All heavy atoms as atom14 arrays in JSON, in Angstrom:
{
  "sequence": "PEMFSTGFSMNPMEIAEDEGGETLQWMCRIAALRQCAIAGSLSVREA",
  "atom14_mask": [
    [1, 1, 1, 1, 1, 1, 1, 0, 0, 0, 0, 0, 0, 0],
    [1, 1, 1, 1, 1, 1, 1, 1, 1, 0, 0, 0, 0, 0],
    [1, 1, 1, 1, 1, 1, 1, 1, 0, 0, 0, 0, 0, 0],
    [1, 1, 1, 1, 1, 1, 1, 1, 1, 1, 1, 0, 0, 0],
    [1, 1, 1, 1, 1, 1, 0, 0, 0, 0, 0, 0, 0, 0],
    [1, 1, 1, 1, 1, 1, 1, 0, 0, 0, 0, 0, 0, 0],
    [1, 1, 1, 1, 0, 0, 0, 0, 0, 0, 0, 0, 0, 0],
    [1, 1, 1, 1, 1, 1, 1, 1, 1, 1, 1, 0, 0, 0],
    [1, 1, 1, 1, 1, 1, 0, 0, 0, 0, 0, 0, 0, 0],
    [1, 1, 1, 1, 1, 1, 1, 1, 0, 0, 0, 0, 0, 0],
    [1, 1, 1, 1, 1, 1, 1, 1, 0, 0, 0, 0, 0, 0],
    [1, 1, 1, 1, 1, 1, 1, 0, 0, 0, 0, 0, 0, 0],
    [1, 1, 1, 1, 1, 1, 1, 1, 0, 0, 0, 0, 0, 0],
    [1, 1, 1, 1, 1, 1, 1, 1, 1, 0, 0, 0, 0, 0],
    [1, 1, 1, 1, 1, 1, 1, 1, 0, 0, 0, 0, 0, 0],
    [1, 1, 1, 1, 1, 0, 0, 0, 0, 0, 0, 0, 0, 0],
    [1, 1, 1, 1, 1, 1, 1, 1, 1, 0, 0, 0, 0, 0],
    [1, 1, 1, 1, 1, 1, 1, 1, 0, 0, 0, 0, 0, 0],
    [1, 1, 1, 1, 1, 1, 1, 1, 1, 0, 0, 0, 0, 0],
    [1, 1, 1, 1, 0, 0, 0, 0, 0, 0, 0, 0, 0, 0],
    [1, 1, 1, 1, 0, 0, 0, 0, 0, 0, 0, 0, 0, 0],
    [1, 1, 1, 1, 1, 1, 1, 1, 1, 0, 0, 0, 0, 0],
    [1, 1, 1, 1, 1, 1, 1, 0, 0, 0, 0, 0, 0, 0],
    [1, 1, 1, 1, 1, 1, 1, 1, 0, 0, 0, 0, 0, 0],
    [1, 1, 1, 1, 1, 1, 1, 1, 1, 0, 0, 0, 0, 0],
    [1, 1, 1, 1, 1, 1, 1, 1, 1, 1, 1, 1, 1, 1],
    [1, 1, 1, 1, 1, 1, 1, 1, 0, 0, 0, 0, 0, 0],
    [1, 1, 1, 1, 1, 1, 0, 0, 0, 0, 0, 0, 0, 0],
    [1, 1, 1, 1, 1, 1, 1, 1, 1, 1, 1, 0, 0, 0],
    [1, 1, 1, 1, 1, 1, 1, 1, 0, 0, 0, 0, 0, 0],
    [1, 1, 1, 1, 1, 0, 0, 0, 0, 0, 0, 0, 0, 0],
    [1, 1, 1, 1, 1, 0, 0, 0, 0, 0, 0, 0, 0, 0],
    [1, 1, 1, 1, 1, 1, 1, 1, 0, 0, 0, 0, 0, 0],
    [1, 1, 1, 1, 1, 1, 1, 1, 1, 1, 1, 0, 0, 0],
    [1, 1, 1, 1, 1, 1, 1, 1, 1, 0, 0, 0, 0, 0],
    [1, 1, 1, 1, 1, 1, 0, 0, 0, 0, 0, 0, 0, 0],
    [1, 1, 1, 1, 1, 0, 0, 0, 0, 0, 0, 0, 0, 0],
    [1, 1, 1, 1, 1, 1, 1, 1, 0, 0, 0, 0, 0, 0],
    [1, 1, 1, 1, 1, 0, 0, 0, 0, 0, 0, 0, 0, 0],
    [1, 1, 1, 1, 0, 0, 0, 0, 0, 0, 0, 0, 0, 0],
    [1, 1, 1, 1, 1, 1, 0, 0, 0, 0, 0, 0, 0, 0],
    [1, 1, 1, 1, 1, 1, 1, 1, 0, 0, 0, 0, 0, 0],
    [1, 1, 1, 1, 1, 1, 0, 0, 0, 0, 0, 0, 0, 0],
    [1, 1, 1, 1, 1, 1, 1, 0, 0, 0, 0, 0, 0, 0],
    [1, 1, 1, 1, 1, 1, 1, 1, 1, 1, 1, 0, 0, 0],
    [1, 1, 1, 1, 1, 1, 1, 1, 1, 0, 0, 0, 0, 0],
    [1, 1, 1, 1, 1, 0, 0, 0, 0, 0, 0, 0, 0, 0]
  ],
  "atom14_positions": [
    [[0.55, -10.56, 0.81], [1.24, -10.57, 2.16], [1.3, -9.24, 2.87], [0.97, -8.24, 2.32], [2.63, -11.1, 1.79], [2.53, -11.79, 0.4], [1.38, -10.97, -0.25], [0.0, 0.0, 0.0], [0.0, 0.0, 0.0], [0.0, 0.0, 0.0], [0.0, 0.0, 0.0], [0.0, 0.0, 0.0], [0.0, 0.0, 0.0], [0.0, 0.0, 0.0]],
    [[1.88, -9.3, 4.08], [2.16, -8.15, 4.87], [3.22, -7.3, 4.15], [4.22, -7.84, 3.63], [2.66, -8.59, 6.25], [3.09, -7.45, 7.22], [3.69, -8.01, 8.49], [4.11, -9.12, 8.54], [3.61, -7.22, 9.44], [0.0, 0.0, 0.0], [0.0, 0.0, 0.0], [0.0, 0.0, 0.0], [0.0, 0.0, 0.0], [0.0, 0.0, 0.0]],
    [[3.04, -5.96, 4.15], [3.99, -5.02, 3.53], [4.46, -5.55, 2.13], [5.66, -5.64, 1.88], [5.17, -4.69, 4.51], [4.9, -4.02, 5.7], [6.42, -3.32, 6.44], [5.67, -2.66, 8.03], [0.0, 0.0, 0.0], [0.0, 0.0, 0.0], [0.0, 0.0, 0.0], [0.0, 0.0, 0.0], [0.0, 0.0, 0.0], [0.0, 0.0, 0.0]],
    [[3.42, -5.97, 1.33], [3.73, -6.57, 0.09], [4.52, -5.72, -0.96], [5.18, -6.22, -1.82], [2.4, -7.07, -0.6], [1.5, -5.92, -1.05], [1.71, -5.37, -2.32], [0.51, -5.43, -0.26], [0.86, -4.27, -2.81], [-0.25, -4.32, -0.7], [-0.07, -3.84, -2.02], [0.0, 0.0, 0.0], [0.0, 0.0, 0.0], [0.0, 0.0, 0.0]],
    [[4.54, -4.38, -0.74], [5.17, -3.56, -1.69], [6.72, -3.29, -1.31], [7.46, -2.77, -2.17], [4.45, -2.23, -1.85], [4.42, -1.47, -0.62], [0.0, 0.0, 0.0], [0.0, 0.0, 0.0], [0.0, 0.0, 0.0], [0.0, 0.0, 0.0], [0.0, 0.0, 0.0], [0.0, 0.0, 0.0], [0.0, 0.0, 0.0], [0.0, 0.0, 0.0]],
    [[7.09, -3.6, -0.12], [8.44, -3.19, 0.38], [9.18, -4.29, 1.13], [10.38, -4.24, 1.25], [8.39, -1.97, 1.29], [7.54, -2.39, 2.5], [7.78, -0.81, 0.63], [0.0, 0.0, 0.0], [0.0, 0.0, 0.0], [0.0, 0.0, 0.0], [0.0, 0.0, 0.0], [0.0, 0.0, 0.0], [0.0, 0.0, 0.0], [0.0, 0.0, 0.0]],
    [[8.44, -5.36, 1.61], [9.01, -6.19, 2.61], [8.83, -5.61, 3.99], [8.55, -4.46, 4.19], [0.0, 0.0, 0.0], [0.0, 0.0, 0.0], [0.0, 0.0, 0.0], [0.0, 0.0, 0.0], [0.0, 0.0, 0.0], [0.0, 0.0, 0.0], [0.0, 0.0, 0.0], [0.0, 0.0, 0.0], [0.0, 0.0, 0.0], [0.0, 0.0, 0.0]],
    [[9.09, -6.42, 5.06], [8.88, -6.03, 6.41], [9.98, -5.18, 6.87], [10.96, -5.54, 7.59], [8.81, -7.29, 7.31], [8.41, -7.0, 8.73], [7.15, -6.48, 9.04], [9.21, -7.45, 9.75], [6.84, -6.22, 10.31], [8.85, -7.23, 11.1], [7.59, -6.62, 11.37], [0.0, 0.0, 0.0], [0.0, 0.0, 0.0], [0.0, 0.0, 0.0]],
    [[10.0, -3.9, 6.52], [11.02, -2.91, 6.69], [10.82, -2.15, 7.99], [9.78, -1.54, 8.13], [11.22, -2.03, 5.48], [12.17, -0.98, 5.75], [0.0, 0.0, 0.0], [0.0, 0.0, 0.0], [0.0, 0.0, 0.0], [0.0, 0.0, 0.0], [0.0, 0.0, 0.0], [0.0, 0.0, 0.0], [0.0, 0.0, 0.0], [0.0, 0.0, 0.0]],
    [[11.91, -2.03, 8.76], [11.78, -1.06, 9.93], [12.47, 0.22, 9.57], [13.07, 0.86, 10.46], [12.62, -1.79, 11.07], [11.95, -3.09, 11.62], [10.23, -2.86, 12.15], [9.41, -3.54, 10.7], [0.0, 0.0, 0.0], [0.0, 0.0, 0.0], [0.0, 0.0, 0.0], [0.0, 0.0, 0.0], [0.0, 0.0, 0.0], [0.0, 0.0, 0.0]],
    [[12.31, 0.66, 8.33], [12.82, 1.91, 7.92], [11.74, 2.73, 7.29], [11.75, 3.1, 6.18], [13.9, 1.65, 6.82], [14.61, 2.87, 6.4], [14.77, 3.91, 7.09], [15.13, 2.9, 5.16], [0.0, 0.0, 0.0], [0.0, 0.0, 0.0], [0.0, 0.0, 0.0], [0.0, 0.0, 0.0], [0.0, 0.0, 0.0], [0.0, 0.0, 0.0]],
    [[10.71, 3.06, 8.13], [9.52, 3.73, 7.58], [9.84, 5.18, 7.09], [9.12, 5.68, 6.23], [8.56, 3.79, 8.76], [9.38, 3.63, 10.0], [10.5, 2.75, 9.59], [0.0, 0.0, 0.0], [0.0, 0.0, 0.0], [0.0, 0.0, 0.0], [0.0, 0.0, 0.0], [0.0, 0.0, 0.0], [0.0, 0.0, 0.0], [0.0, 0.0, 0.0]],
    [[10.82, 5.79, 7.69], [11.16, 7.1, 7.24], [11.46, 7.14, 5.74], [11.22, 8.16, 5.02], [12.39, 7.64, 7.96], [12.11, 8.02, 9.36], [11.05, 9.5, 9.57], [12.16, 10.75, 8.98], [0.0, 0.0, 0.0], [0.0, 0.0, 0.0], [0.0, 0.0, 0.0], [0.0, 0.0, 0.0], [0.0, 0.0, 0.0], [0.0, 0.0, 0.0]],
    [[11.91, 6.08, 5.18], [12.29, 6.0, 3.75], [11.23, 5.31, 2.94], [11.03, 5.7, 1.71], [13.59, 5.2, 3.59], [14.75, 5.77, 4.29], [15.11, 7.18, 3.7], [14.98, 7.39, 2.44], [15.55, 8.13, 4.4], [0.0, 0.0, 0.0], [0.0, 0.0, 0.0], [0.0, 0.0, 0.0], [0.0, 0.0, 0.0], [0.0, 0.0, 0.0]],
    [[10.45, 4.4, 3.47], [9.58, 3.61, 2.58], [8.13, 3.83, 2.85], [7.26, 3.42, 2.03], [9.85, 2.1, 2.77], [9.73, 1.63, 4.11], [11.3, 1.78, 2.21], [8.43, 0.88, 4.44], [0.0, 0.0, 0.0], [0.0, 0.0, 0.0], [0.0, 0.0, 0.0], [0.0, 0.0, 0.0], [0.0, 0.0, 0.0], [0.0, 0.0, 0.0]],
    [[7.71, 4.52, 3.91], [6.27, 4.68, 4.17], [5.68, 5.61, 3.17], [6.24, 6.52, 2.71], [6.07, 5.15, 5.61], [0.0, 0.0, 0.0], [0.0, 0.0, 0.0], [0.0, 0.0, 0.0], [0.0, 0.0, 0.0], [0.0, 0.0, 0.0], [0.0, 0.0, 0.0], [0.0, 0.0, 0.0], [0.0, 0.0, 0.0], [0.0, 0.0, 0.0]],
    [[4.41, 5.31, 2.84], [3.64, 6.14, 1.92], [2.59, 6.98, 2.67], [2.09, 6.53, 3.69], [2.96, 5.24, 0.86], [3.83, 4.56, -0.04], [3.15, 3.86, -1.21], [2.03, 4.15, -1.52], [3.84, 2.92, -1.81], [0.0, 0.0, 0.0], [0.0, 0.0, 0.0], [0.0, 0.0, 0.0], [0.0, 0.0, 0.0], [0.0, 0.0, 0.0]],
    [[2.28, 8.13, 2.19], [1.2, 8.9, 2.85], [-0.13, 8.19, 2.65], [-0.3, 7.42, 1.62], [1.16, 10.29, 2.21], [2.34, 11.13, 2.61], [2.92, 10.92, 3.7], [2.71, 11.96, 1.8], [0.0, 0.0, 0.0], [0.0, 0.0, 0.0], [0.0, 0.0, 0.0], [0.0, 0.0, 0.0], [0.0, 0.0, 0.0], [0.0, 0.0, 0.0]],
    [[-1.1, 8.45, 3.44], [-2.42, 7.91, 3.22], [-2.95, 8.42, 1.9], [-2.82, 9.63, 1.53], [-3.35, 8.54, 4.33], [-4.79, 8.19, 4.2], [-5.1, 6.67, 4.32], [-4.3, 5.94, 4.94], [-6.2, 6.24, 4.04], [0.0, 0.0, 0.0], [0.0, 0.0, 0.0], [0.0, 0.0, 0.0], [0.0, 0.0, 0.0], [0.0, 0.0, 0.0]],
    [[-3.37, 7.52, 1.06], [-3.76, 7.87, -0.29], [-2.62, 7.79, -1.28], [-2.75, 8.37, -2.33], [0.0, 0.0, 0.0], [0.0, 0.0, 0.0], [0.0, 0.0, 0.0], [0.0, 0.0, 0.0], [0.0, 0.0, 0.0], [0.0, 0.0, 0.0], [0.0, 0.0, 0.0], [0.0, 0.0, 0.0], [0.0, 0.0, 0.0], [0.0, 0.0, 0.0]],
    [[-1.5, 7.21, -0.9], [-0.28, 7.14, -1.71], [-0.43, 6.25, -2.92], [-1.48, 5.71, -3.19], [0.0, 0.0, 0.0], [0.0, 0.0, 0.0], [0.0, 0.0, 0.0], [0.0, 0.0, 0.0], [0.0, 0.0, 0.0], [0.0, 0.0, 0.0], [0.0, 0.0, 0.0], [0.0, 0.0, 0.0], [0.0, 0.0, 0.0], [0.0, 0.0, 0.0]],
    [[0.77, 6.11, -3.64], [0.78, 5.43, -4.89], [0.24, 3.98, -4.83], [-0.52, 3.48, -5.64], [2.17, 5.38, -5.55], [2.63, 6.77, -6.02], [3.93, 6.76, -6.79], [4.3, 5.57, -7.22], [4.58, 7.71, -6.94], [0.0, 0.0, 0.0], [0.0, 0.0, 0.0], [0.0, 0.0, 0.0], [0.0, 0.0, 0.0], [0.0, 0.0, 0.0]],
    [[0.64, 3.21, -3.82], [0.23, 1.83, -3.7], [-1.23, 1.64, -3.42], [-1.9, 0.83, -4.03], [1.07, 1.1, -2.64], [2.52, 1.24, -3.03], [0.72, -0.37, -2.66], [0.0, 0.0, 0.0], [0.0, 0.0, 0.0], [0.0, 0.0, 0.0], [0.0, 0.0, 0.0], [0.0, 0.0, 0.0], [0.0, 0.0, 0.0], [0.0, 0.0, 0.0]],
    [[-1.78, 2.59, -2.59], [-3.27, 2.52, -2.32], [-3.97, 2.86, -3.61], [-4.99, 2.25, -3.93], [-3.62, 3.37, -1.18], [-5.12, 3.4, -0.92], [-5.73, 1.97, -0.59], [-5.4, 4.26, 0.27], [0.0, 0.0, 0.0], [0.0, 0.0, 0.0], [0.0, 0.0, 0.0], [0.0, 0.0, 0.0], [0.0, 0.0, 0.0], [0.0, 0.0, 0.0]],
    [[-3.53, 3.83, -4.37], [-4.13, 4.21, -5.56], [-4.05, 3.1, -6.58], [-5.03, 2.81, -7.35], [-3.44, 5.42, -6.21], [-3.66, 6.73, -5.44], [-2.9, 7.84, -6.02], [-2.82, 8.03, -7.23], [-2.36, 8.74, -5.16], [0.0, 0.0, 0.0], [0.0, 0.0, 0.0], [0.0, 0.0, 0.0], [0.0, 0.0, 0.0], [0.0, 0.0, 0.0]],
    [[-2.97, 2.32, -6.62], [-2.79, 1.22, -7.53], [-3.77, 0.12, -7.13], [-4.44, -0.5, -7.9], [-1.33, 0.67, -7.27], [-1.08, -0.6, -7.99], [-0.78, -0.83, -9.3], [-1.24, -1.93, -7.36], [-0.63, -2.24, -9.56], [-0.86, -2.87, -8.31], [-1.43, -2.35, -6.15], [-0.77, -4.26, -8.1], [-1.36, -3.7, -5.76], [-1.05, -4.64, -6.79]],
    [[-3.95, -0.21, -5.77], [-4.98, -1.19, -5.29], [-6.33, -0.77, -5.77], [-7.14, -1.62, -6.2], [-4.83, -1.3, -3.73], [-3.65, -1.82, -3.29], [-3.48, -1.81, -1.42], [-4.58, -3.26, -1.02], [0.0, 0.0, 0.0], [0.0, 0.0, 0.0], [0.0, 0.0, 0.0], [0.0, 0.0, 0.0], [0.0, 0.0, 0.0], [0.0, 0.0, 0.0]],
    [[-6.7, 0.53, -5.66], [-7.97, 0.92, -6.16], [-8.23, 0.78, -7.59], [-9.3, 0.34, -8.08], [-8.19, 2.43, -5.75], [-8.35, 2.76, -4.0], [0.0, 0.0, 0.0], [0.0, 0.0, 0.0], [0.0, 0.0, 0.0], [0.0, 0.0, 0.0], [0.0, 0.0, 0.0], [0.0, 0.0, 0.0], [0.0, 0.0, 0.0], [0.0, 0.0, 0.0]],
    [[-7.17, 1.01, -8.39], [-7.22, 0.86, -9.76], [-7.44, -0.65, -10.2], [-8.21, -0.95, -11.0], [-5.94, 1.4, -10.44], [-5.99, 1.27, -11.99], [-4.79, 1.95, -12.6], [-3.52, 1.33, -12.27], [-3.07, 0.2, -12.75], [-3.67, -0.42, -13.68], [-1.86, -0.34, -12.38], [0.0, 0.0, 0.0], [0.0, 0.0, 0.0], [0.0, 0.0, 0.0]],
    [[-6.63, -1.54, -9.48], [-6.77, -2.96, -9.81], [-8.17, -3.45, -9.42], [-8.81, -4.23, -10.17], [-5.7, -3.7, -8.97], [-4.27, -3.36, -9.55], [-5.96, -5.24, -9.08], [-4.08, -3.81, -10.97], [0.0, 0.0, 0.0], [0.0, 0.0, 0.0], [0.0, 0.0, 0.0], [0.0, 0.0, 0.0], [0.0, 0.0, 0.0], [0.0, 0.0, 0.0]],
    [[-8.65, -3.05, -8.32], [-9.92, -3.47, -7.84], [-11.11, -3.06, -8.84], [-12.0, -3.92, -9.15], [-10.24, -2.94, -6.4], [0.0, 0.0, 0.0], [0.0, 0.0, 0.0], [0.0, 0.0, 0.0], [0.0, 0.0, 0.0], [0.0, 0.0, 0.0], [0.0, 0.0, 0.0], [0.0, 0.0, 0.0], [0.0, 0.0, 0.0], [0.0, 0.0, 0.0]],
    [[-11.02, -1.86, -9.28], [-11.98, -1.37, -10.2], [-11.86, -2.08, -11.58], [-12.87, -2.48, -12.16], [-11.84, 0.13, -10.4], [0.0, 0.0, 0.0], [0.0, 0.0, 0.0], [0.0, 0.0, 0.0], [0.0, 0.0, 0.0], [0.0, 0.0, 0.0], [0.0, 0.0, 0.0], [0.0, 0.0, 0.0], [0.0, 0.0, 0.0], [0.0, 0.0, 0.0]],
    [[-10.67, -2.22, -12.04], [-10.44, -2.83, -13.43], [-10.82, -4.27, -13.37], [-11.44, -4.73, -14.38], [-8.88, -2.71, -13.69], [-8.48, -3.33, -15.01], [-9.11, -2.58, -16.19], [-6.97, -3.3, -15.2], [0.0, 0.0, 0.0], [0.0, 0.0, 0.0], [0.0, 0.0, 0.0], [0.0, 0.0, 0.0], [0.0, 0.0, 0.0], [0.0, 0.0, 0.0]],
    [[-10.5, -5.03, -12.35], [-10.79, -6.44, -12.24], [-12.14, -6.77, -11.59], [-12.61, -7.91, -11.6], [-9.7, -7.16, -11.47], [-8.32, -6.99, -12.06], [-8.22, -7.74, -13.39], [-6.94, -7.38, -14.06], [-6.67, -7.79, -15.28], [-7.54, -8.46, -16.03], [-5.47, -7.55, -15.85], [0.0, 0.0, 0.0], [0.0, 0.0, 0.0], [0.0, 0.0, 0.0]],
    [[-12.84, -5.74, -11.08], [-14.1, -5.88, -10.4], [-14.03, -7.0, -9.38], [-14.87, -7.94, -9.22], [-15.22, -6.17, -11.42], [-15.69, -4.94, -12.11], [-16.31, -3.94, -11.15], [-17.37, -4.09, -10.55], [-15.56, -2.74, -11.07], [0.0, 0.0, 0.0], [0.0, 0.0, 0.0], [0.0, 0.0, 0.0], [0.0, 0.0, 0.0], [0.0, 0.0, 0.0]],
    [[-13.02, -6.72, -8.48], [-12.79, -7.71, -7.37], [-12.14, -6.82, -6.25], [-11.75, -5.75, -6.45], [-11.84, -8.81, -7.67], [-10.23, -8.23, -8.1], [0.0, 0.0, 0.0], [0.0, 0.0, 0.0], [0.0, 0.0, 0.0], [0.0, 0.0, 0.0], [0.0, 0.0, 0.0], [0.0, 0.0, 0.0], [0.0, 0.0, 0.0], [0.0, 0.0, 0.0]],
    [[-12.15, -7.41, -5.02], [-11.49, -6.7, -3.9], [-9.98, -7.14, -3.88], [-9.68, -8.17, -4.38], [-12.16, -7.08, -2.56], [0.0, 0.0, 0.0], [0.0, 0.0, 0.0], [0.0, 0.0, 0.0], [0.0, 0.0, 0.0], [0.0, 0.0, 0.0], [0.0, 0.0, 0.0], [0.0, 0.0, 0.0], [0.0, 0.0, 0.0], [0.0, 0.0, 0.0]],
    [[-9.17, -6.3, -3.26], [-7.81, -6.6, -3.11], [-7.36, -6.16, -1.76], [-7.77, -5.14, -1.27], [-6.89, -5.94, -4.22], [-5.42, -6.42, -4.05], [-7.08, -4.45, -4.25], [-4.65, -6.05, -5.34], [0.0, 0.0, 0.0], [0.0, 0.0, 0.0], [0.0, 0.0, 0.0], [0.0, 0.0, 0.0], [0.0, 0.0, 0.0], [0.0, 0.0, 0.0]],
    [[-6.58, -6.99, -1.05], [-6.1, -6.72, 0.36], [-4.75, -7.06, 0.64], [-4.16, -8.01, 0.01], [-7.13, -7.52, 1.29], [0.0, 0.0, 0.0], [0.0, 0.0, 0.0], [0.0, 0.0, 0.0], [0.0, 0.0, 0.0], [0.0, 0.0, 0.0], [0.0, 0.0, 0.0], [0.0, 0.0, 0.0], [0.0, 0.0, 0.0], [0.0, 0.0, 0.0]],
    [[-4.15, -6.3, 1.54], [-2.75, -6.44, 1.86], [-2.32, -5.31, 2.75], [-2.96, -4.27, 2.77], [0.0, 0.0, 0.0], [0.0, 0.0, 0.0], [0.0, 0.0, 0.0], [0.0, 0.0, 0.0], [0.0, 0.0, 0.0], [0.0, 0.0, 0.0], [0.0, 0.0, 0.0], [0.0, 0.0, 0.0], [0.0, 0.0, 0.0], [0.0, 0.0, 0.0]],
    [[-1.12, -5.35, 3.39], [-0.7, -4.28, 4.29], [0.48, -3.53, 3.67], [1.27, -4.05, 2.84], [-0.34, -4.78, 5.67], [1.0, -5.07, 5.83], [0.0, 0.0, 0.0], [0.0, 0.0, 0.0], [0.0, 0.0, 0.0], [0.0, 0.0, 0.0], [0.0, 0.0, 0.0], [0.0, 0.0, 0.0], [0.0, 0.0, 0.0], [0.0, 0.0, 0.0]],
    [[0.58, -2.28, 4.09], [1.64, -1.34, 3.69], [2.2, -0.64, 4.9], [1.59, -0.45, 5.92], [1.08, -0.3, 2.78], [0.22, -0.63, 1.58], [-0.37, 0.48, 0.87], [1.02, -1.53, 0.54], [0.0, 0.0, 0.0], [0.0, 0.0, 0.0], [0.0, 0.0, 0.0], [0.0, 0.0, 0.0], [0.0, 0.0, 0.0], [0.0, 0.0, 0.0]],
    [[3.35, -0.02, 4.72], [3.88, 0.97, 5.66], [3.27, 2.35, 5.32], [3.53, 2.8, 4.15], [5.45, 1.02, 5.58], [5.99, 1.99, 6.46], [0.0, 0.0, 0.0], [0.0, 0.0, 0.0], [0.0, 0.0, 0.0], [0.0, 0.0, 0.0], [0.0, 0.0, 0.0], [0.0, 0.0, 0.0], [0.0, 0.0, 0.0], [0.0, 0.0, 0.0]],
    [[2.57, 2.92, 6.34], [1.85, 4.19, 6.0], [2.25, 5.27, 7.01], [2.32, 4.97, 8.2], [0.34, 3.89, 5.98], [-0.43, 5.24, 5.86], [-0.04, 2.87, 4.85], [0.0, 0.0, 0.0], [0.0, 0.0, 0.0], [0.0, 0.0, 0.0], [0.0, 0.0, 0.0], [0.0, 0.0, 0.0], [0.0, 0.0, 0.0], [0.0, 0.0, 0.0]],
    [[2.32, 6.47, 6.52], [2.61, 7.69, 7.34], [1.25, 8.43, 7.45], [0.61, 8.77, 6.44], [3.69, 8.55, 6.68], [4.0, 9.8, 7.38], [4.93, 10.72, 6.59], [6.21, 10.08, 6.13], [6.37, 9.68, 4.94], [5.51, 9.77, 4.0], [7.59, 9.1, 4.71], [0.0, 0.0, 0.0], [0.0, 0.0, 0.0], [0.0, 0.0, 0.0]],
    [[0.94, 8.77, 8.64], [-0.29, 9.63, 8.92], [-0.07, 10.55, 10.16], [0.26, 9.92, 11.23], [-1.49, 8.77, 9.08], [-2.78, 9.61, 9.23], [-4.07, 8.84, 9.39], [-3.98, 7.55, 9.51], [-5.16, 9.32, 9.25], [0.0, 0.0, 0.0], [0.0, 0.0, 0.0], [0.0, 0.0, 0.0], [0.0, 0.0, 0.0], [0.0, 0.0, 0.0]],
    [[-0.22, 11.71, 10.1], [-0.16, 12.72, 11.19], [1.08, 12.46, 11.93], [1.16, 12.52, 13.21], [-1.33, 12.58, 12.05], [0.0, 0.0, 0.0], [0.0, 0.0, 0.0], [0.0, 0.0, 0.0], [0.0, 0.0, 0.0], [0.0, 0.0, 0.0], [0.0, 0.0, 0.0], [0.0, 0.0, 0.0], [0.0, 0.0, 0.0], [0.0, 0.0, 0.0]]
  ]
}
């Protein structure tokens, strides 16, 4: 789902991850381990 790691939070100052943060790293690990794609949205901080 949308914002699957936090819920639909309007508090990005507290919950947003930097580009390349823990949840994206986790997605990359799962995709490589399971040899499948994985998709979903996150709150992300950039520039």
